[in-house]
Amino acid sequence: MPTETERMLAGEPYDPTDPALVADRERARGLVRRYNATTEAERDHRRTLLDELFDAGGGDAVVEPPFRCDYGYNVAVGTDFFANFGCVFLDVTPIRFGDRCLLGPGVHVYTPTHPIDPDERATGRERGEPVTVGDDVWIGGRAVVTPGVTIGDGAVVAAGSVVTSDVPERVVAGGNPARVIREISDDAPTSS
């Protein structure tokens, strides 16, 4: 019989009050608390903590405190990853960022989902859907990425957007819910 952790990682309904999952969240919160207490001068210590927290890629990542996550071990970041102040990753299933991703302040990425039916929701069981962000993606401040979304390579998500469905490669998406605003051409300016 699979454990609650195995169910969670498989995206199946699981019990988040399972003692092993509670312990995993407490471990992550301890690491995050220590990370958020670091100063700008403690770059090596920050790298060590991210390496311990994230599944992959913490070594050269820049994550400005404060930062929050559920487990950390479901987060993988590519090279040259940057997350500005106040980002939150609810990682009950994998959150994967490609290379050269930039996150504005207060970006939230969610993988947990809860049943729509109130009786089923009252059981406390939940499940997750992974989020994948491609290479060279810029997500503007205060954007929210919801469970199960994939954001394609080279995309830009406008500040304040709520991303509820996949975003194609090389487009600007924005709004609530986010929709494609325009394509990014090869001759597009390099800054806005």
N, C-alpha and C. Protein backbone atom coordinates (compact mmCIF):
# COMPACT_ATOMS: atom_id res chain seq x y z
N MET A 1 0.85 -1.18 0.00
CA MET A 1 0.00 0.00 0.00
C MET A 1 0.90 1.25 0.00
N PRO A 2 0.64 2.20 -0.89
CA PRO A 2 1.49 3.39 -0.96
C PRO A 2 1.33 4.27 0.29
N THR A 3 2.41 4.95 0.64
CA THR A 3 2.37 5.89 1.75
C THR A 3 1.66 7.17 1.30
N GLU A 4 1.31 8.01 2.26
CA GLU A 4 0.69 9.29 1.92
C GLU A 4 1.67 10.15 1.11
N THR A 5 2.95 10.07 1.41
CA THR A 5 3.95 10.81 0.65
C THR A 5 3.97 10.33 -0.80
N GLU A 6 3.96 9.02 -1.00
CA GLU A 6 3.94 8.48 -2.35
C GLU A 6 2.68 8.90 -3.10
N ARG A 7 1.55 8.91 -2.40
CA ARG A 7 0.30 9.37 -3.03
C ARG A 7 0.41 10.83 -3.44
N MET A 8 0.94 11.66 -2.51
CA MET A 8 1.08 13.09 -2.80
C MET A 8 1.95 13.30 -4.03
N LEU A 9 3.11 12.65 -4.07
CA LEU A 9 4.05 12.84 -5.17
C LEU A 9 3.48 12.34 -6.50
N ALA A 10 2.57 11.37 -6.44
CA ALA A 10 1.95 10.83 -7.65
C ALA A 10 0.75 11.66 -8.10
N GLY A 11 0.39 12.70 -7.34
CA GLY A 11 -0.76 13.52 -7.70
C GLY A 11 -2.09 12.87 -7.35
N GLU A 12 -2.05 11.88 -6.47
CA GLU A 12 -3.27 11.20 -6.03
C GLU A 12 -3.78 11.86 -4.75
N PRO A 13 -5.06 11.66 -4.41
CA PRO A 13 -5.55 12.19 -3.13
C PRO A 13 -4.73 11.64 -1.97
N TYR A 14 -4.38 12.53 -1.04
CA TYR A 14 -3.55 12.15 0.10
C TYR A 14 -4.00 12.93 1.33
N ASP A 15 -3.55 12.47 2.49
CA ASP A 15 -3.88 13.11 3.76
C ASP A 15 -2.70 13.99 4.19
N PRO A 16 -2.84 15.32 4.13
CA PRO A 16 -1.73 16.19 4.50
C PRO A 16 -1.40 16.19 5.98
N THR A 17 -2.26 15.56 6.82
CA THR A 17 -1.96 15.50 8.25
C THR A 17 -1.12 14.27 8.59
N ASP A 18 -0.76 13.47 7.60
CA ASP A 18 0.09 12.31 7.84
C ASP A 18 1.37 12.75 8.54
N PRO A 19 1.79 12.07 9.59
CA PRO A 19 2.97 12.50 10.36
C PRO A 19 4.24 12.67 9.52
N ALA A 20 4.45 11.83 8.53
CA ALA A 20 5.66 11.98 7.70
C ALA A 20 5.60 13.27 6.90
N LEU A 21 4.43 13.62 6.37
CA LEU A 21 4.30 14.86 5.62
C LEU A 21 4.40 16.08 6.53
N VAL A 22 3.84 15.99 7.73
CA VAL A 22 3.98 17.08 8.70
C VAL A 22 5.45 17.30 9.02
N ALA A 23 6.19 16.22 9.22
CA ALA A 23 7.62 16.32 9.51
C ALA A 23 8.38 16.94 8.34
N ASP A 24 8.02 16.55 7.12
CA ASP A 24 8.68 17.13 5.94
C ASP A 24 8.42 18.63 5.83
N ARG A 25 7.18 19.05 6.12
CA ARG A 25 6.87 20.49 6.08
C ARG A 25 7.61 21.24 7.19
N GLU A 26 7.70 20.63 8.36
CA GLU A 26 8.44 21.27 9.46
C GLU A 26 9.91 21.42 9.12
N ARG A 27 10.49 20.40 8.48
CA ARG A 27 11.88 20.48 8.04
C ARG A 27 12.07 21.64 7.07
N ALA A 28 11.16 21.73 6.07
CA ALA A 28 11.26 22.81 5.09
C ALA A 28 11.09 24.17 5.76
N ARG A 29 10.16 24.28 6.68
CA ARG A 29 9.94 25.57 7.34
C ARG A 29 11.15 25.98 8.17
N GLY A 30 11.83 25.00 8.77
CA GLY A 30 13.05 25.31 9.51
C GLY A 30 14.14 25.84 8.59
N LEU A 31 14.31 25.18 7.44
CA LEU A 31 15.32 25.65 6.47
C LEU A 31 14.95 27.03 5.92
N VAL A 32 13.67 27.23 5.63
CA VAL A 32 13.22 28.52 5.11
C VAL A 32 13.41 29.61 6.16
N ARG A 33 13.10 29.30 7.42
CA ARG A 33 13.28 30.28 8.49
C ARG A 33 14.75 30.69 8.58
N ARG A 34 15.63 29.72 8.51
CA ARG A 34 17.07 30.03 8.55
C ARG A 34 17.49 30.83 7.32
N TYR A 35 16.97 30.47 6.17
CA TYR A 35 17.28 31.19 4.93
C TYR A 35 16.82 32.64 5.03
N ASN A 36 15.60 32.84 5.47
CA ASN A 36 15.04 34.19 5.56
C ASN A 36 15.76 35.05 6.59
N ALA A 37 16.48 34.44 7.52
CA ALA A 37 17.23 35.19 8.54
C ALA A 37 18.63 35.56 8.06
N THR A 38 19.04 35.13 6.87
CA THR A 38 20.38 35.45 6.38
C THR A 38 20.44 36.89 5.90
N THR A 39 21.69 37.38 5.78
CA THR A 39 21.91 38.73 5.25
C THR A 39 22.49 38.61 3.84
N GLU A 40 22.55 39.74 3.16
CA GLU A 40 23.08 39.78 1.80
C GLU A 40 24.52 39.27 1.73
N ALA A 41 25.26 39.46 2.81
CA ALA A 41 26.67 39.05 2.84
C ALA A 41 26.85 37.54 2.97
N GLU A 42 25.79 36.83 3.29
CA GLU A 42 25.88 35.38 3.53
C GLU A 42 25.51 34.57 2.29
N ARG A 43 26.05 34.93 1.14
CA ARG A 43 25.70 34.26 -0.12
C ARG A 43 26.00 32.76 -0.08
N ASP A 44 27.17 32.39 0.44
CA ASP A 44 27.52 30.97 0.48
C ASP A 44 26.57 30.19 1.39
N HIS A 45 26.20 30.77 2.52
CA HIS A 45 25.26 30.12 3.43
C HIS A 45 23.88 29.98 2.76
N ARG A 46 23.46 31.01 2.04
CA ARG A 46 22.19 30.93 1.31
C ARG A 46 22.22 29.79 0.29
N ARG A 47 23.32 29.68 -0.44
CA ARG A 47 23.44 28.60 -1.44
C ARG A 47 23.35 27.23 -0.77
N THR A 48 24.03 27.09 0.35
CA THR A 48 24.01 25.81 1.07
C THR A 48 22.59 25.45 1.50
N LEU A 49 21.86 26.43 2.02
CA LEU A 49 20.48 26.18 2.46
C LEU A 49 19.58 25.84 1.27
N LEU A 50 19.71 26.55 0.15
CA LEU A 50 18.89 26.22 -1.03
C LEU A 50 19.24 24.85 -1.58
N ASP A 51 20.53 24.50 -1.56
CA ASP A 51 20.93 23.16 -2.01
C ASP A 51 20.26 22.08 -1.15
N GLU A 52 20.14 22.35 0.13
CA GLU A 52 19.52 21.40 1.05
C GLU A 52 18.00 21.38 0.88
N LEU A 53 17.43 22.52 0.56
CA LEU A 53 15.97 22.66 0.46
C LEU A 53 15.42 22.17 -0.87
N PHE A 54 16.01 22.64 -1.98
CA PHE A 54 15.48 22.34 -3.31
C PHE A 54 15.91 20.97 -3.79
N ASP A 55 15.09 20.41 -4.69
CA ASP A 55 15.43 19.14 -5.33
C ASP A 55 16.67 19.30 -6.20
N ALA A 56 16.75 20.42 -6.93
CA ALA A 56 17.88 20.63 -7.82
C ALA A 56 18.04 22.11 -8.11
N GLY A 57 19.29 22.52 -8.32
CA GLY A 57 19.58 23.85 -8.84
C GLY A 57 19.76 24.96 -7.84
N GLY A 58 19.82 24.67 -6.56
CA GLY A 58 19.96 25.75 -5.59
C GLY A 58 21.28 26.48 -5.66
N GLY A 59 22.31 25.82 -6.17
CA GLY A 59 23.67 26.36 -6.11
C GLY A 59 23.87 27.75 -6.64
N ASP A 60 23.34 28.07 -7.81
CA ASP A 60 23.55 29.41 -8.35
C ASP A 60 22.26 30.24 -8.35
N ALA A 61 21.22 29.72 -7.70
CA ALA A 61 19.95 30.44 -7.64
C ALA A 61 20.07 31.65 -6.72
N VAL A 62 19.34 32.70 -7.09
CA VAL A 62 19.20 33.86 -6.22
C VAL A 62 17.73 33.93 -5.85
N VAL A 63 17.45 33.81 -4.56
CA VAL A 63 16.10 33.90 -4.04
C VAL A 63 16.13 34.94 -2.93
N GLU A 64 15.48 36.06 -3.17
CA GLU A 64 15.49 37.14 -2.19
C GLU A 64 14.51 36.81 -1.06
N PRO A 65 14.97 36.88 0.19
CA PRO A 65 14.05 36.66 1.31
C PRO A 65 13.08 37.84 1.43
N PRO A 66 11.91 37.65 1.98
CA PRO A 66 11.42 36.37 2.50
C PRO A 66 10.89 35.47 1.38
N PHE A 67 10.98 34.20 1.64
CA PHE A 67 10.57 33.16 0.70
C PHE A 67 9.82 32.11 1.50
N ARG A 68 8.86 31.44 0.89
CA ARG A 68 8.11 30.37 1.55
C ARG A 68 7.90 29.21 0.59
N CYS A 69 7.88 27.99 1.14
CA CYS A 69 7.51 26.80 0.37
C CYS A 69 6.96 25.76 1.32
N ASP A 70 6.29 24.75 0.77
CA ASP A 70 5.75 23.66 1.59
C ASP A 70 6.80 22.61 1.93
N TYR A 71 7.46 22.08 0.91
CA TYR A 71 8.37 20.96 1.09
C TYR A 71 9.78 21.25 0.58
N GLY A 72 9.90 22.02 -0.47
CA GLY A 72 11.21 22.33 -1.04
C GLY A 72 11.74 21.23 -1.92
N TYR A 73 11.62 19.98 -1.49
CA TYR A 73 12.18 18.87 -2.28
C TYR A 73 11.45 18.63 -3.59
N ASN A 74 10.35 19.32 -3.81
CA ASN A 74 9.65 19.23 -5.09
C ASN A 74 9.94 20.41 -6.00
N VAL A 75 10.89 21.26 -5.62
CA VAL A 75 11.25 22.44 -6.41
C VAL A 75 12.59 22.21 -7.08
N ALA A 76 12.64 22.42 -8.40
CA ALA A 76 13.90 22.36 -9.14
C ALA A 76 14.00 23.63 -9.97
N VAL A 77 15.17 24.25 -9.91
CA VAL A 77 15.39 25.47 -10.68
C VAL A 77 16.60 25.27 -11.59
N GLY A 78 16.54 25.87 -12.77
CA GLY A 78 17.64 25.81 -13.71
C GLY A 78 18.71 26.83 -13.36
N THR A 79 19.68 26.96 -14.25
CA THR A 79 20.77 27.90 -14.03
C THR A 79 20.25 29.33 -14.14
N ASP A 80 20.93 30.23 -13.44
CA ASP A 80 20.61 31.66 -13.47
C ASP A 80 19.17 31.95 -13.08
N PHE A 81 18.65 31.22 -12.10
CA PHE A 81 17.30 31.43 -11.59
C PHE A 81 17.31 32.61 -10.63
N PHE A 82 16.29 33.49 -10.74
CA PHE A 82 16.16 34.62 -9.83
C PHE A 82 14.71 34.76 -9.40
N ALA A 83 14.49 34.80 -8.09
CA ALA A 83 13.17 35.06 -7.52
C ALA A 83 13.28 36.26 -6.59
N ASN A 84 12.50 37.28 -6.85
CA ASN A 84 12.54 38.50 -6.06
C ASN A 84 11.82 38.29 -4.72
N PHE A 85 11.75 39.32 -3.91
CA PHE A 85 11.21 39.26 -2.56
C PHE A 85 9.78 38.70 -2.52
N GLY A 86 9.51 37.87 -1.50
CA GLY A 86 8.15 37.47 -1.20
C GLY A 86 7.53 36.39 -2.05
N CYS A 87 8.33 35.57 -2.71
CA CYS A 87 7.77 34.49 -3.53
C CYS A 87 7.32 33.32 -2.66
N VAL A 88 6.29 32.61 -3.12
CA VAL A 88 5.73 31.46 -2.41
C VAL A 88 5.56 30.31 -3.39
N PHE A 89 6.11 29.14 -3.04
CA PHE A 89 5.96 27.93 -3.86
C PHE A 89 5.27 26.86 -3.02
N LEU A 90 4.03 26.54 -3.33
CA LEU A 90 3.34 25.45 -2.65
C LEU A 90 3.56 24.20 -3.49
N ASP A 91 4.53 23.40 -3.07
CA ASP A 91 5.09 22.32 -3.89
C ASP A 91 4.73 20.93 -3.39
N VAL A 92 3.44 20.58 -3.41
CA VAL A 92 3.08 19.22 -3.04
C VAL A 92 3.40 18.24 -4.16
N THR A 93 3.47 18.73 -5.39
CA THR A 93 3.99 17.97 -6.53
C THR A 93 5.06 18.86 -7.17
N PRO A 94 5.79 18.37 -8.15
CA PRO A 94 6.93 19.12 -8.67
C PRO A 94 6.59 20.49 -9.25
N ILE A 95 7.46 21.43 -8.95
CA ILE A 95 7.52 22.74 -9.60
C ILE A 95 8.89 22.78 -10.25
N ARG A 96 8.92 22.89 -11.58
CA ARG A 96 10.16 22.86 -12.34
C ARG A 96 10.32 24.17 -13.11
N PHE A 97 11.43 24.86 -12.84
CA PHE A 97 11.78 26.09 -13.57
C PHE A 97 12.97 25.78 -14.46
N GLY A 98 12.92 26.26 -15.70
CA GLY A 98 14.03 26.09 -16.62
C GLY A 98 15.16 27.07 -16.32
N ASP A 99 16.06 27.19 -17.27
CA ASP A 99 17.21 28.10 -17.13
C ASP A 99 16.78 29.55 -17.36
N ARG A 100 17.46 30.44 -16.68
CA ARG A 100 17.30 31.89 -16.86
C ARG A 100 15.88 32.38 -16.61
N CYS A 101 15.22 31.81 -15.61
CA CYS A 101 13.88 32.27 -15.24
C CYS A 101 13.99 33.43 -14.26
N LEU A 102 13.12 34.41 -14.43
CA LEU A 102 13.07 35.58 -13.57
C LEU A 102 11.67 35.68 -12.98
N LEU A 103 11.59 35.81 -11.66
CA LEU A 103 10.31 35.97 -10.98
C LEU A 103 10.30 37.31 -10.26
N GLY A 104 9.27 38.10 -10.51
CA GLY A 104 9.12 39.37 -9.83
C GLY A 104 8.73 39.16 -8.37
N PRO A 105 8.63 40.26 -7.62
CA PRO A 105 8.27 40.13 -6.21
C PRO A 105 6.86 39.58 -6.03
N GLY A 106 6.72 38.72 -5.03
CA GLY A 106 5.41 38.22 -4.67
C GLY A 106 4.79 37.22 -5.62
N VAL A 107 5.59 36.59 -6.48
CA VAL A 107 5.04 35.56 -7.37
C VAL A 107 4.68 34.33 -6.53
N HIS A 108 3.49 33.80 -6.77
CA HIS A 108 3.04 32.59 -6.09
C HIS A 108 2.83 31.49 -7.13
N VAL A 109 3.35 30.29 -6.81
CA VAL A 109 3.17 29.12 -7.67
C VAL A 109 2.55 28.02 -6.81
N TYR A 110 1.38 27.55 -7.24
CA TYR A 110 0.61 26.58 -6.45
C TYR A 110 0.48 25.26 -7.19
N THR A 111 0.72 24.15 -6.48
CA THR A 111 0.40 22.83 -7.04
C THR A 111 -0.75 22.13 -6.32
N PRO A 112 -1.09 22.46 -5.06
CA PRO A 112 -2.18 21.73 -4.39
C PRO A 112 -3.56 22.11 -4.94
N THR A 113 -4.43 21.12 -4.99
CA THR A 113 -5.82 21.34 -5.37
C THR A 113 -6.70 20.67 -4.32
N HIS A 114 -7.91 21.15 -4.21
CA HIS A 114 -8.87 20.61 -3.24
C HIS A 114 -10.14 20.23 -3.98
N PRO A 115 -10.85 19.22 -3.49
CA PRO A 115 -12.08 18.79 -4.16
C PRO A 115 -13.10 19.93 -4.26
N ILE A 116 -13.82 19.97 -5.35
CA ILE A 116 -14.90 20.94 -5.54
C ILE A 116 -16.10 20.57 -4.66
N ASP A 117 -16.40 19.27 -4.57
CA ASP A 117 -17.53 18.81 -3.77
C ASP A 117 -17.26 19.10 -2.29
N PRO A 118 -18.16 19.82 -1.59
CA PRO A 118 -17.90 20.19 -0.21
C PRO A 118 -17.80 19.00 0.74
N ASP A 119 -18.56 17.94 0.51
CA ASP A 119 -18.47 16.77 1.38
C ASP A 119 -17.12 16.09 1.23
N GLU A 120 -16.66 15.97 0.00
CA GLU A 120 -15.34 15.37 -0.24
C GLU A 120 -14.24 16.28 0.31
N ARG A 121 -14.40 17.59 0.14
CA ARG A 121 -13.41 18.55 0.65
C ARG A 121 -13.32 18.47 2.17
N ALA A 122 -14.44 18.21 2.82
CA ALA A 122 -14.48 18.12 4.29
C ALA A 122 -13.65 16.95 4.83
N THR A 123 -13.31 15.99 3.99
CA THR A 123 -12.47 14.87 4.44
C THR A 123 -11.04 15.33 4.70
N GLY A 124 -10.66 16.49 4.15
CA GLY A 124 -9.31 17.01 4.35
C GLY A 124 -8.29 16.50 3.35
N ARG A 125 -8.70 15.57 2.50
CA ARG A 125 -7.77 15.04 1.51
C ARG A 125 -7.61 16.06 0.39
N GLU A 126 -6.42 16.11 -0.17
CA GLU A 126 -6.15 16.99 -1.30
C GLU A 126 -5.24 16.25 -2.27
N ARG A 127 -4.94 16.89 -3.37
CA ARG A 127 -3.99 16.31 -4.33
C ARG A 127 -3.27 17.46 -5.01
N GLY A 128 -2.29 17.14 -5.83
CA GLY A 128 -1.54 18.19 -6.50
C GLY A 128 -1.39 17.92 -7.98
N GLU A 129 -1.12 19.01 -8.71
CA GLU A 129 -0.84 18.93 -10.14
C GLU A 129 0.43 19.72 -10.39
N PRO A 130 1.45 19.13 -11.03
CA PRO A 130 2.75 19.80 -11.22
C PRO A 130 2.65 21.07 -12.05
N VAL A 131 3.61 21.95 -11.84
CA VAL A 131 3.77 23.18 -12.63
C VAL A 131 5.14 23.13 -13.28
N THR A 132 5.18 23.44 -14.58
CA THR A 132 6.44 23.46 -15.33
C THR A 132 6.59 24.82 -16.00
N VAL A 133 7.75 25.43 -15.79
CA VAL A 133 8.07 26.73 -16.38
C VAL A 133 9.32 26.52 -17.23
N GLY A 134 9.25 26.89 -18.51
CA GLY A 134 10.34 26.65 -19.44
C GLY A 134 11.53 27.57 -19.23
N ASP A 135 12.45 27.53 -20.17
CA ASP A 135 13.64 28.38 -20.14
C ASP A 135 13.27 29.82 -20.53
N ASP A 136 14.06 30.77 -19.99
CA ASP A 136 13.95 32.18 -20.40
C ASP A 136 12.57 32.77 -20.17
N VAL A 137 11.92 32.37 -19.08
CA VAL A 137 10.59 32.88 -18.75
C VAL A 137 10.72 34.00 -17.72
N TRP A 138 9.91 35.04 -17.92
CA TRP A 138 9.83 36.15 -16.96
C TRP A 138 8.39 36.19 -16.46
N ILE A 139 8.23 36.05 -15.13
CA ILE A 139 6.92 36.13 -14.50
C ILE A 139 6.90 37.40 -13.65
N GLY A 140 6.02 38.32 -13.99
CA GLY A 140 5.96 39.61 -13.33
C GLY A 140 5.43 39.53 -11.91
N GLY A 141 5.71 40.57 -11.15
CA GLY A 141 5.34 40.65 -9.75
C GLY A 141 3.87 40.40 -9.49
N ARG A 142 3.62 39.70 -8.38
CA ARG A 142 2.27 39.39 -7.90
C ARG A 142 1.47 38.48 -8.83
N ALA A 143 2.13 37.86 -9.79
CA ALA A 143 1.43 36.87 -10.62
C ALA A 143 1.21 35.60 -9.81
N VAL A 144 0.15 34.89 -10.14
CA VAL A 144 -0.17 33.60 -9.51
C VAL A 144 -0.24 32.55 -10.61
N VAL A 145 0.48 31.45 -10.40
CA VAL A 145 0.46 30.31 -11.33
C VAL A 145 -0.26 29.18 -10.61
N THR A 146 -1.34 28.69 -11.20
CA THR A 146 -2.19 27.70 -10.55
C THR A 146 -1.79 26.27 -10.92
N PRO A 147 -2.32 25.27 -10.20
CA PRO A 147 -1.92 23.88 -10.41
C PRO A 147 -2.09 23.39 -11.85
N GLY A 148 -1.11 22.59 -12.29
CA GLY A 148 -1.18 21.92 -13.57
C GLY A 148 -0.77 22.74 -14.77
N VAL A 149 -0.30 23.96 -14.57
CA VAL A 149 0.03 24.86 -15.67
C VAL A 149 1.45 24.59 -16.19
N THR A 150 1.61 24.73 -17.50
CA THR A 150 2.93 24.75 -18.14
C THR A 150 3.08 26.10 -18.83
N ILE A 151 4.23 26.74 -18.60
CA ILE A 151 4.55 28.02 -19.25
C ILE A 151 5.71 27.74 -20.19
N GLY A 152 5.51 28.04 -21.47
CA GLY A 152 6.49 27.71 -22.50
C GLY A 152 7.74 28.58 -22.48
N ASP A 153 8.78 28.09 -23.14
CA ASP A 153 10.06 28.80 -23.24
C ASP A 153 9.86 30.21 -23.77
N GLY A 154 10.58 31.15 -23.18
CA GLY A 154 10.60 32.51 -23.68
C GLY A 154 9.34 33.32 -23.42
N ALA A 155 8.41 32.80 -22.65
CA ALA A 155 7.15 33.51 -22.38
C ALA A 155 7.35 34.58 -21.32
N VAL A 156 6.46 35.57 -21.34
CA VAL A 156 6.40 36.61 -20.32
C VAL A 156 4.98 36.58 -19.75
N VAL A 157 4.89 36.56 -18.43
CA VAL A 157 3.60 36.64 -17.76
C VAL A 157 3.56 38.01 -17.08
N ALA A 158 2.58 38.82 -17.43
CA ALA A 158 2.47 40.18 -16.93
C ALA A 158 2.21 40.19 -15.42
N ALA A 159 2.68 41.25 -14.78
CA ALA A 159 2.47 41.43 -13.35
C ALA A 159 0.99 41.35 -13.01
N GLY A 160 0.69 40.71 -11.89
CA GLY A 160 -0.68 40.63 -11.40
C GLY A 160 -1.56 39.62 -12.10
N SER A 161 -1.02 38.87 -13.03
CA SER A 161 -1.82 37.90 -13.78
C SER A 161 -2.12 36.67 -12.94
N VAL A 162 -3.21 35.99 -13.29
CA VAL A 162 -3.54 34.71 -12.70
C VAL A 162 -3.54 33.69 -13.83
N VAL A 163 -2.54 32.81 -13.82
CA VAL A 163 -2.34 31.85 -14.91
C VAL A 163 -3.08 30.56 -14.55
N THR A 164 -4.18 30.31 -15.27
CA THR A 164 -5.02 29.14 -14.99
C THR A 164 -4.95 28.08 -16.08
N SER A 165 -4.27 28.40 -17.19
CA SER A 165 -4.10 27.43 -18.27
C SER A 165 -2.72 27.63 -18.89
N ASP A 166 -2.30 26.66 -19.69
CA ASP A 166 -0.97 26.69 -20.27
C ASP A 166 -0.73 27.97 -21.06
N VAL A 167 0.52 28.42 -21.02
CA VAL A 167 0.97 29.59 -21.78
C VAL A 167 1.94 29.09 -22.85
N PRO A 168 1.69 29.37 -24.12
CA PRO A 168 2.59 28.91 -25.18
C PRO A 168 3.97 29.57 -25.10
N GLU A 169 4.89 29.05 -25.88
CA GLU A 169 6.23 29.64 -25.99
C GLU A 169 6.16 31.02 -26.62
N ARG A 170 7.08 31.90 -26.21
CA ARG A 170 7.33 33.20 -26.84
C ARG A 170 6.06 34.04 -27.03
N VAL A 171 5.30 34.16 -25.94
CA VAL A 171 4.15 35.06 -25.95
C VAL A 171 4.18 35.89 -24.68
N VAL A 172 3.45 37.00 -24.71
CA VAL A 172 3.16 37.76 -23.50
C VAL A 172 1.74 37.41 -23.12
N ALA A 173 1.55 36.98 -21.88
CA ALA A 173 0.22 36.64 -21.37
C ALA A 173 -0.07 37.51 -20.16
N GLY A 174 -1.32 37.90 -20.01
CA GLY A 174 -1.67 38.72 -18.86
C GLY A 174 -3.16 38.71 -18.60
N GLY A 175 -3.52 39.17 -17.41
CA GLY A 175 -4.91 39.29 -17.03
C GLY A 175 -5.34 38.23 -16.04
N ASN A 176 -6.65 38.25 -15.72
CA ASN A 176 -7.22 37.29 -14.79
C ASN A 176 -8.56 36.82 -15.36
N PRO A 177 -8.57 35.59 -15.92
CA PRO A 177 -7.44 34.68 -16.09
C PRO A 177 -6.52 35.17 -17.21
N ALA A 178 -5.25 34.77 -17.10
CA ALA A 178 -4.27 35.20 -18.11
C ALA A 178 -4.64 34.66 -19.48
N ARG A 179 -4.44 35.49 -20.48
CA ARG A 179 -4.65 35.10 -21.87
C ARG A 179 -3.49 35.67 -22.68
N VAL A 180 -3.28 35.13 -23.85
CA VAL A 180 -2.20 35.62 -24.71
C VAL A 180 -2.56 37.02 -25.19
N ILE A 181 -1.63 37.95 -24.96
CA ILE A 181 -1.81 39.34 -25.39
C ILE A 181 -1.15 39.56 -26.75
N ARG A 182 0.03 38.97 -26.90
CA ARG A 182 0.72 39.08 -28.18
C ARG A 182 1.84 38.06 -28.24
N GLU A 183 2.30 37.80 -29.45
CA GLU A 183 3.46 36.93 -29.65
C GLU A 183 4.72 37.76 -29.54
N ILE A 184 5.82 37.09 -29.20
CA ILE A 184 7.12 37.75 -29.14
C ILE A 184 7.88 37.37 -30.40
N SER A 185 8.12 38.35 -31.24
CA SER A 185 8.82 38.09 -32.51
C SER A 185 10.32 38.05 -32.27
N ASP A 186 11.04 37.49 -33.23
CA ASP A 186 12.49 37.41 -33.14
C ASP A 186 13.14 38.79 -33.13
N ASP A 187 12.47 39.80 -33.67
CA ASP A 187 13.05 41.14 -33.71
C ASP A 187 12.47 42.03 -32.61
N ALA A 188 11.87 41.41 -31.57
CA ALA A 188 11.29 42.19 -30.46
C ALA A 188 12.40 42.89 -29.69
N PRO A 189 12.10 44.07 -29.14
CA PRO A 189 13.10 44.76 -28.31
C PRO A 189 13.51 43.88 -27.14
N THR A 190 14.73 44.04 -26.66
CA THR A 190 15.22 43.22 -25.58
C THR A 190 14.76 43.70 -24.21
N SER A 191 14.12 44.84 -24.12
CA SER A 191 13.56 45.31 -22.85
C SER A 191 12.26 46.03 -23.14
N SER A 192 11.46 46.18 -22.09
CA SER A 192 10.17 46.84 -22.30
C SER A 192 10.21 48.30 -21.91
